[in-house]
Full PDB file with SEQRES, HELIX, SHEET, SSBOND, CRYST1, ORIGX, SCALE, CONECT and MASTER records, all heavy atoms in Angstrom:
SEQRES   1 A   30  SER ARG HIS GLY ILE LYS ARG ILE GLN GLY VAL ALA TYR          
SEQRES   2 A   30  ALA GLN GLY GLY GLU ARG ASN THR LEU ASP ILE ILE THR          
SEQRES   3 A   30  SER SER ASP ALA                                              
HELIX    1 AA1 GLY A   17  ASN A   20  5                                   4    
SHEET    1 AA1 2 ILE A   5  ALA A  12  0                                        
SHEET    2 AA1 2 THR A  21  SER A  27 -1                                        
CRYST1    1.000    1.000    1.000  90.00  90.00  90.00 P 1           1          
ORIGX1      1.000000  0.000000  0.000000        0.00000                         
ORIGX2      0.000000  1.000000  0.000000        0.00000                         
ORIGX3      0.000000  0.000000  1.000000        0.00000                         
SCALE1      1.000000  0.000000  0.000000        0.00000                         
SCALE2      0.000000  1.000000  0.000000        0.00000                         
SCALE3      0.000000  0.000000  1.000000        0.00000                         
ATOM      1  N   SER A   1       0.841  -1.190  -0.005  1.00  0.00           N  
ATOM      2  CA  SER A   1       0.004  -0.004  -0.008  1.00  0.00           C  
ATOM      3  C   SER A   1       0.862   1.269  -0.010  1.00  0.00           C  
ATOM      4  O   SER A   1       1.919   1.305   0.648  1.00  0.00           O  
ATOM      5  CB  SER A   1      -0.892  -0.007   1.256  1.00  0.00           C  
ATOM      6  OG  SER A   1      -1.556   1.263   1.362  1.00  0.00           O  
ATOM      7  N   ARG A   2       0.416   2.266  -0.735  1.00  0.00           N  
ATOM      8  CA  ARG A   2       1.119   3.544  -0.755  1.00  0.00           C  
ATOM      9  C   ARG A   2       0.515   4.509   0.277  1.00  0.00           C  
ATOM     10  O   ARG A   2       0.907   5.715   0.302  1.00  0.00           O  
ATOM     11  CB  ARG A   2       1.063   4.170  -2.153  1.00  0.00           C  
ATOM     12  CG  ARG A   2       1.777   3.274  -3.175  1.00  0.00           C  
ATOM     13  CD  ARG A   2       1.648   3.851  -4.579  1.00  0.00           C  
ATOM     14  NE  ARG A   2       2.293   5.144  -4.704  1.00  0.00           N  
ATOM     15  CZ  ARG A   2       2.327   5.872  -5.823  1.00  0.00           C  
ATOM     16  NH1 ARG A   2       1.761   5.401  -6.920  1.00  0.00           N  
ATOM     17  NH2 ARG A   2       2.917   7.040  -5.856  1.00  0.00           N  
ATOM     18  N   HIS A   3      -0.412   4.060   1.082  1.00  0.00           N  
ATOM     19  CA  HIS A   3      -1.014   4.961   2.061  1.00  0.00           C  
ATOM     20  C   HIS A   3       0.015   5.463   3.022  1.00  0.00           C  
ATOM     21  O   HIS A   3       0.852   4.727   3.568  1.00  0.00           O  
ATOM     22  CB  HIS A   3      -2.096   4.168   2.843  1.00  0.00           C  
ATOM     23  CG  HIS A   3      -2.755   4.985   3.948  1.00  0.00           C  
ATOM     24  ND1 HIS A   3      -3.591   5.986   3.680  1.00  0.00           N  
ATOM     25  CD2 HIS A   3      -2.614   4.922   5.315  1.00  0.00           C  
ATOM     26  CE1 HIS A   3      -3.990   6.534   4.813  1.00  0.00           C  
ATOM     27  NE2 HIS A   3      -3.368   5.895   5.798  1.00  0.00           N  
ATOM     28  N   GLY A   4       0.015   6.767   3.259  1.00  0.00           N  
ATOM     29  CA  GLY A   4       0.944   7.360   4.188  1.00  0.00           C  
ATOM     30  C   GLY A   4       2.349   7.552   3.629  1.00  0.00           C  
ATOM     31  O   GLY A   4       3.268   7.854   4.393  1.00  0.00           O  
ATOM     32  N   ILE A   5       2.516   7.422   2.330  1.00  0.00           N  
ATOM     33  CA  ILE A   5       3.829   7.508   1.667  1.00  0.00           C  
ATOM     34  C   ILE A   5       3.865   8.726   0.783  1.00  0.00           C  
ATOM     35  O   ILE A   5       2.962   8.988   0.012  1.00  0.00           O  
ATOM     36  CB  ILE A   5       4.130   6.244   0.860  1.00  0.00           C  
ATOM     37  CG1 ILE A   5       4.153   4.979   1.752  1.00  0.00           C  
ATOM     38  CG2 ILE A   5       5.449   6.399   0.136  1.00  0.00           C  
ATOM     39  CD1 ILE A   5       5.200   5.038   2.844  1.00  0.00           C  
ATOM     40  N   LYS A   6       4.939   9.477   0.860  1.00  0.00           N  
ATOM     41  CA  LYS A   6       5.180  10.625  -0.026  1.00  0.00           C  
ATOM     42  C   LYS A   6       6.408  10.346  -0.874  1.00  0.00           C  
ATOM     43  O   LYS A   6       7.458   9.954  -0.337  1.00  0.00           O  
ATOM     44  CB  LYS A   6       5.355  11.908   0.772  1.00  0.00           C  
ATOM     45  CG  LYS A   6       5.686  13.095  -0.014  1.00  0.00           C  
ATOM     46  CD  LYS A   6       5.731  14.372   0.803  1.00  0.00           C  
ATOM     47  CE  LYS A   6       6.821  14.329   1.839  1.00  0.00           C  
ATOM     48  NZ  LYS A   6       6.959  15.586   2.629  1.00  0.00           N  
ATOM     49  N   ARG A   7       6.319  10.498  -2.217  1.00  0.00           N  
ATOM     50  CA  ARG A   7       7.430  10.223  -3.096  1.00  0.00           C  
ATOM     51  C   ARG A   7       7.758  11.503  -3.936  1.00  0.00           C  
ATOM     52  O   ARG A   7       6.873  12.004  -4.633  1.00  0.00           O  
ATOM     53  CB  ARG A   7       7.091   9.073  -4.032  1.00  0.00           C  
ATOM     54  CG  ARG A   7       8.208   8.712  -5.020  1.00  0.00           C  
ATOM     55  CD  ARG A   7       7.787   7.558  -5.948  1.00  0.00           C  
ATOM     56  NE  ARG A   7       7.788   6.296  -5.254  1.00  0.00           N  
ATOM     57  CZ  ARG A   7       8.829   5.400  -5.283  1.00  0.00           C  
ATOM     58  NH1 ARG A   7       9.919   5.733  -5.956  1.00  0.00           N  
ATOM     59  NH2 ARG A   7       8.741   4.290  -4.609  1.00  0.00           N  
ATOM     60  N   ILE A   8       8.942  11.974  -3.836  1.00  0.00           N  
ATOM     61  CA  ILE A   8       9.450  13.065  -4.653  1.00  0.00           C  
ATOM     62  C   ILE A   8      10.212  12.425  -5.798  1.00  0.00           C  
ATOM     63  O   ILE A   8      11.223  11.751  -5.575  1.00  0.00           O  
ATOM     64  CB  ILE A   8      10.377  14.010  -3.840  1.00  0.00           C  
ATOM     65  CG1 ILE A   8       9.595  14.554  -2.650  1.00  0.00           C  
ATOM     66  CG2 ILE A   8      10.874  15.130  -4.746  1.00  0.00           C  
ATOM     67  CD1 ILE A   8      10.474  15.334  -1.697  1.00  0.00           C  
ATOM     68  N   GLN A   9       9.770  12.629  -7.037  1.00  0.00           N  
ATOM     69  CA  GLN A   9      10.268  11.851  -8.173  1.00  0.00           C  
ATOM     70  C   GLN A   9      11.226  12.668  -9.044  1.00  0.00           C  
ATOM     71  O   GLN A   9      11.068  13.860  -9.195  1.00  0.00           O  
ATOM     72  CB  GLN A   9       9.125  11.351  -9.017  1.00  0.00           C  
ATOM     73  CG  GLN A   9       8.147  10.449  -8.256  1.00  0.00           C  
ATOM     74  CD  GLN A   9       7.188   9.767  -9.195  1.00  0.00           C  
ATOM     75  OE1 GLN A   9       7.566   9.087 -10.147  1.00  0.00           O  
ATOM     76  NE2 GLN A   9       5.900   9.926  -8.911  1.00  0.00           N  
ATOM     77  N   GLY A  10      12.199  11.953  -9.632  1.00  0.00           N  
ATOM     78  CA  GLY A  10      13.028  12.449 -10.714  1.00  0.00           C  
ATOM     79  C   GLY A  10      14.019  13.529 -10.304  1.00  0.00           C  
ATOM     80  O   GLY A  10      14.321  14.446 -11.078  1.00  0.00           O  
ATOM     81  N   VAL A  11      14.581  13.418  -9.074  1.00  0.00           N  
ATOM     82  CA  VAL A  11      15.614  14.355  -8.643  1.00  0.00           C  
ATOM     83  C   VAL A  11      16.946  13.982  -9.294  1.00  0.00           C  
ATOM     84  O   VAL A  11      17.372  12.830  -9.205  1.00  0.00           O  
ATOM     85  CB  VAL A  11      15.747  14.358  -7.124  1.00  0.00           C  
ATOM     86  CG1 VAL A  11      16.803  15.338  -6.680  1.00  0.00           C  
ATOM     87  CG2 VAL A  11      14.386  14.680  -6.451  1.00  0.00           C  
ATOM     88  N   ALA A  12      17.632  14.952  -9.921  1.00  0.00           N  
ATOM     89  CA  ALA A  12      18.908  14.652 -10.573  1.00  0.00           C  
ATOM     90  C   ALA A  12      20.014  14.583  -9.552  1.00  0.00           C  
ATOM     91  O   ALA A  12      20.172  15.501  -8.746  1.00  0.00           O  
ATOM     92  CB  ALA A  12      19.179  15.699 -11.639  1.00  0.00           C  
ATOM     93  N   TYR A  13      20.856  13.530  -9.630  1.00  0.00           N  
ATOM     94  CA  TYR A  13      22.019  13.454  -8.783  1.00  0.00           C  
ATOM     95  C   TYR A  13      23.357  13.585  -9.563  1.00  0.00           C  
ATOM     96  O   TYR A  13      24.429  13.662  -9.015  1.00  0.00           O  
ATOM     97  CB  TYR A  13      22.020  12.189  -7.943  1.00  0.00           C  
ATOM     98  CG  TYR A  13      22.227  10.922  -8.708  1.00  0.00           C  
ATOM     99  CD1 TYR A  13      23.472  10.428  -9.083  1.00  0.00           C  
ATOM    100  CD2 TYR A  13      21.132  10.099  -9.090  1.00  0.00           C  
ATOM    101  CE1 TYR A  13      23.639   9.240  -9.761  1.00  0.00           C  
ATOM    102  CE2 TYR A  13      21.300   8.923  -9.781  1.00  0.00           C  
ATOM    103  CZ  TYR A  13      22.546   8.491 -10.127  1.00  0.00           C  
ATOM    104  OH  TYR A  13      22.744   7.322 -10.805  1.00  0.00           O  
ATOM    105  N   ALA A  14      23.249  13.576 -10.906  1.00  0.00           N  
ATOM    106  CA  ALA A  14      24.429  13.747 -11.803  1.00  0.00           C  
ATOM    107  C   ALA A  14      23.883  14.257 -13.129  1.00  0.00           C  
ATOM    108  O   ALA A  14      22.700  14.577 -13.304  1.00  0.00           O  
ATOM    109  CB  ALA A  14      25.176  12.461 -11.926  1.00  0.00           C  
ATOM    110  N   GLN A  15      24.798  14.353 -14.120  1.00  0.00           N  
ATOM    111  CA  GLN A  15      24.454  15.003 -15.381  1.00  0.00           C  
ATOM    112  C   GLN A  15      24.069  14.009 -16.480  1.00  0.00           C  
ATOM    113  O   GLN A  15      24.036  14.345 -17.677  1.00  0.00           O  
ATOM    114  CB  GLN A  15      25.693  15.796 -15.866  1.00  0.00           C  
ATOM    115  CG  GLN A  15      26.157  16.822 -14.859  1.00  0.00           C  
ATOM    116  CD  GLN A  15      25.071  17.822 -14.510  1.00  0.00           C  
ATOM    117  OE1 GLN A  15      24.421  18.360 -15.380  1.00  0.00           O  
ATOM    118  NE2 GLN A  15      24.899  18.097 -13.189  1.00  0.00           N  
ATOM    119  N   GLY A  16      23.678  12.804 -16.169  1.00  0.00           N  
ATOM    120  CA  GLY A  16      23.365  11.790 -17.158  1.00  0.00           C  
ATOM    121  C   GLY A  16      21.933  11.682 -17.592  1.00  0.00           C  
ATOM    122  O   GLY A  16      21.491  10.634 -18.076  1.00  0.00           O  
ATOM    123  N   GLY A  17      21.138  12.703 -17.346  1.00  0.00           N  
ATOM    124  CA  GLY A  17      19.729  12.662 -17.744  1.00  0.00           C  
ATOM    125  C   GLY A  17      18.896  11.726 -16.849  1.00  0.00           C  
ATOM    126  O   GLY A  17      19.197  11.545 -15.672  1.00  0.00           O  
ATOM    127  N   GLU A  18      17.893  11.079 -17.455  1.00  0.00           N  
ATOM    128  CA  GLU A  18      16.975  10.231 -16.708  1.00  0.00           C  
ATOM    129  C   GLU A  18      17.704   9.132 -15.937  1.00  0.00           C  
ATOM    130  O   GLU A  18      17.268   8.756 -14.856  1.00  0.00           O  
ATOM    131  CB  GLU A  18      15.915   9.633 -17.680  1.00  0.00           C  
ATOM    132  CG  GLU A  18      15.036   8.535 -17.093  1.00  0.00           C  
ATOM    133  CD  GLU A  18      14.138   9.032 -15.962  1.00  0.00           C  
ATOM    134  OE1 GLU A  18      13.948  10.239 -15.844  1.00  0.00           O  
ATOM    135  OE2 GLU A  18      13.657   8.200 -15.181  1.00  0.00           O  
ATOM    136  N   ARG A  19      18.758   8.567 -16.515  1.00  0.00           N  
ATOM    137  CA  ARG A  19      19.453   7.491 -15.873  1.00  0.00           C  
ATOM    138  C   ARG A  19      20.222   7.945 -14.624  1.00  0.00           C  
ATOM    139  O   ARG A  19      20.652   7.133 -13.841  1.00  0.00           O  
ATOM    140  CB  ARG A  19      20.430   6.812 -16.831  1.00  0.00           C  
ATOM    141  CG  ARG A  19      19.830   6.101 -18.021  1.00  0.00           C  
ATOM    142  CD  ARG A  19      18.610   5.233 -17.685  1.00  0.00           C  
ATOM    143  NE  ARG A  19      18.845   4.312 -16.594  1.00  0.00           N  
ATOM    144  CZ  ARG A  19      17.905   3.492 -16.098  1.00  0.00           C  
ATOM    145  NH1 ARG A  19      16.700   3.491 -16.618  1.00  0.00           N  
ATOM    146  NH2 ARG A  19      18.184   2.678 -15.088  1.00  0.00           N  
ATOM    147  N   ASN A  20      20.382   9.240 -14.426  1.00  0.00           N  
ATOM    148  CA  ASN A  20      21.016   9.775 -13.199  1.00  0.00           C  
ATOM    149  C   ASN A  20      20.000  10.524 -12.364  1.00  0.00           C  
ATOM    150  O   ASN A  20      20.272  11.647 -11.908  1.00  0.00           O  
ATOM    151  CB  ASN A  20      22.195  10.653 -13.572  1.00  0.00           C  
ATOM    152  CG  ASN A  20      23.442   9.875 -14.002  1.00  0.00           C  
ATOM    153  OD1 ASN A  20      24.272  10.395 -14.684  1.00  0.00           O  
ATOM    154  ND2 ASN A  20      23.519   8.622 -13.618  1.00  0.00           N  
ATOM    155  N   THR A  21      18.853   9.944 -12.154  1.00  0.00           N  
ATOM    156  CA  THR A  21      17.821  10.541 -11.311  1.00  0.00           C  
ATOM    157  C   THR A  21      17.471   9.591 -10.182  1.00  0.00           C  
ATOM    158  O   THR A  21      17.743   8.358 -10.254  1.00  0.00           O  
ATOM    159  CB  THR A  21      16.565  10.886 -12.113  1.00  0.00           C  
ATOM    160  OG1 THR A  21      15.987   9.709 -12.695  1.00  0.00           O  
ATOM    161  CG2 THR A  21      16.863  11.939 -13.196  1.00  0.00           C  
ATOM    162  N   LEU A  22      16.802  10.124  -9.195  1.00  0.00           N  
ATOM    163  CA  LEU A  22      16.404   9.297  -8.023  1.00  0.00           C  
ATOM    164  C   LEU A  22      15.084   9.810  -7.479  1.00  0.00           C  
ATOM    165  O   LEU A  22      14.658  10.958  -7.763  1.00  0.00           O  
ATOM    166  CB  LEU A  22      17.503   9.319  -6.948  1.00  0.00           C  
ATOM    167  CG  LEU A  22      17.987  10.680  -6.421  1.00  0.00           C  
ATOM    168  CD1 LEU A  22      17.080  11.274  -5.395  1.00  0.00           C  
ATOM    169  CD2 LEU A  22      19.391  10.525  -5.867  1.00  0.00           C  
ATOM    170  N   ASP A  23      14.392   8.970  -6.750  1.00  0.00           N  
ATOM    171  CA  ASP A  23      13.202   9.314  -6.037  1.00  0.00           C  
ATOM    172  C   ASP A  23      13.507   9.322  -4.535  1.00  0.00           C  
ATOM    173  O   ASP A  23      14.327   8.524  -4.046  1.00  0.00           O  
ATOM    174  CB  ASP A  23      12.047   8.315  -6.285  1.00  0.00           C  
ATOM    175  CG  ASP A  23      11.544   8.344  -7.672  1.00  0.00           C  
ATOM    176  OD1 ASP A  23      11.932   9.231  -8.458  1.00  0.00           O  
ATOM    177  OD2 ASP A  23      10.745   7.447  -8.046  1.00  0.00           O  
ATOM    178  N   ILE A  24      12.830  10.168  -3.820  1.00  0.00           N  
ATOM    179  CA  ILE A  24      12.958  10.247  -2.329  1.00  0.00           C  
ATOM    180  C   ILE A  24      11.603   9.917  -1.754  1.00  0.00           C  
ATOM    181  O   ILE A  24      10.593  10.553  -2.061  1.00  0.00           O  
ATOM    182  CB  ILE A  24      13.437  11.628  -1.889  1.00  0.00           C  
ATOM    183  CG1 ILE A  24      14.834  11.912  -2.504  1.00  0.00           C  
ATOM    184  CG2 ILE A  24      13.518  11.702  -0.380  1.00  0.00           C  
ATOM    185  CD1 ILE A  24      15.302  13.331  -2.311  1.00  0.00           C  
ATOM    186  N   ILE A  25      11.579   8.872  -0.904  1.00  0.00           N  
ATOM    187  CA  ILE A  25      10.333   8.380  -0.334  1.00  0.00           C  
ATOM    188  C   ILE A  25      10.374   8.541   1.198  1.00  0.00           C  
ATOM    189  O   ILE A  25      11.296   8.076   1.860  1.00  0.00           O  
ATOM    190  CB  ILE A  25      10.099   6.892  -0.724  1.00  0.00           C  
ATOM    191  CG1 ILE A  25      10.213   6.713  -2.222  1.00  0.00           C  
ATOM    192  CG2 ILE A  25       8.761   6.418  -0.175  1.00  0.00           C  
ATOM    193  CD1 ILE A  25      11.529   6.268  -2.726  1.00  0.00           C  
ATOM    194  N   THR A  26       9.371   9.225   1.718  1.00  0.00           N  
ATOM    195  CA  THR A  26       9.273   9.402   3.175  1.00  0.00           C  
ATOM    196  C   THR A  26       7.814   9.181   3.590  1.00  0.00           C  
ATOM    197  O   THR A  26       6.926   9.064   2.783  1.00  0.00           O  
ATOM    198  CB  THR A  26       9.680  10.826   3.567  1.00  0.00           C  
ATOM    199  OG1 THR A  26       8.786  11.780   2.948  1.00  0.00           O  
ATOM    200  CG2 THR A  26      11.113  11.141   3.116  1.00  0.00           C  
ATOM    201  N   SER A  27       7.604   9.189   4.882  1.00  0.00           N  
ATOM    202  CA  SER A  27       6.241   9.167   5.424  1.00  0.00           C  
ATOM    203  C   SER A  27       5.577  10.481   5.193  1.00  0.00           C  
ATOM    204  O   SER A  27       6.203  11.568   5.283  1.00  0.00           O  
ATOM    205  CB  SER A  27       6.278   8.829   6.897  1.00  0.00           C  
ATOM    206  OG  SER A  27       4.970   8.994   7.466  1.00  0.00           O  
ATOM    207  N   SER A  28       4.311  10.492   4.821  1.00  0.00           N  
ATOM    208  CA  SER A  28       3.549  11.713   4.657  1.00  0.00           C  
ATOM    209  C   SER A  28       2.855  12.137   5.943  1.00  0.00           C  
ATOM    210  O   SER A  28       2.205  13.181   5.972  1.00  0.00           O  
ATOM    211  CB  SER A  28       2.556  11.563   3.515  1.00  0.00           C  
ATOM    212  OG  SER A  28       1.621  10.521   3.818  1.00  0.00           O  
ATOM    213  N   ASP A  29       2.951  11.346   6.936  1.00  0.00           N  
ATOM    214  CA  ASP A  29       2.162  11.587   8.159  1.00  0.00           C  
ATOM    215  C   ASP A  29       2.856  12.470   9.188  1.00  0.00           C  
ATOM    216  O   ASP A  29       2.213  13.076  10.030  1.00  0.00           O  
ATOM    217  CB  ASP A  29       1.822  10.243   8.842  1.00  0.00           C  
ATOM    218  CG  ASP A  29       0.949   9.386   7.983  1.00  0.00           C  
ATOM    219  OD1 ASP A  29       0.211   9.940   7.141  1.00  0.00           O  
ATOM    220  OD2 ASP A  29       0.982   8.160   8.120  1.00  0.00           O  
ATOM    221  N   ALA A  30       4.178  12.503   9.140  1.00  0.00           N  
ATOM    222  CA  ALA A  30       4.901  13.263  10.172  1.00  0.00           C  
ATOM    223  C   ALA A  30       6.216  13.779   9.595  1.00  0.00           C  
ATOM    224  O   ALA A  30       6.807  13.152   8.716  1.00  0.00           O  
ATOM    225  CB  ALA A  30       5.179  12.367  11.375  1.00  0.00           C  
TER     226      ALA A  30                                                      
MASTER        0    0    0    1    2    0    0    6  225    1    0    3          
END                                                                             
């Protein structure tokens, strides 16, 4: 279940385009 989950998508960590991206997943409740 994705209930209570927050996902920030497509953050760049290097210069390689889509292959150098990441998501950050945390709780959305606190």
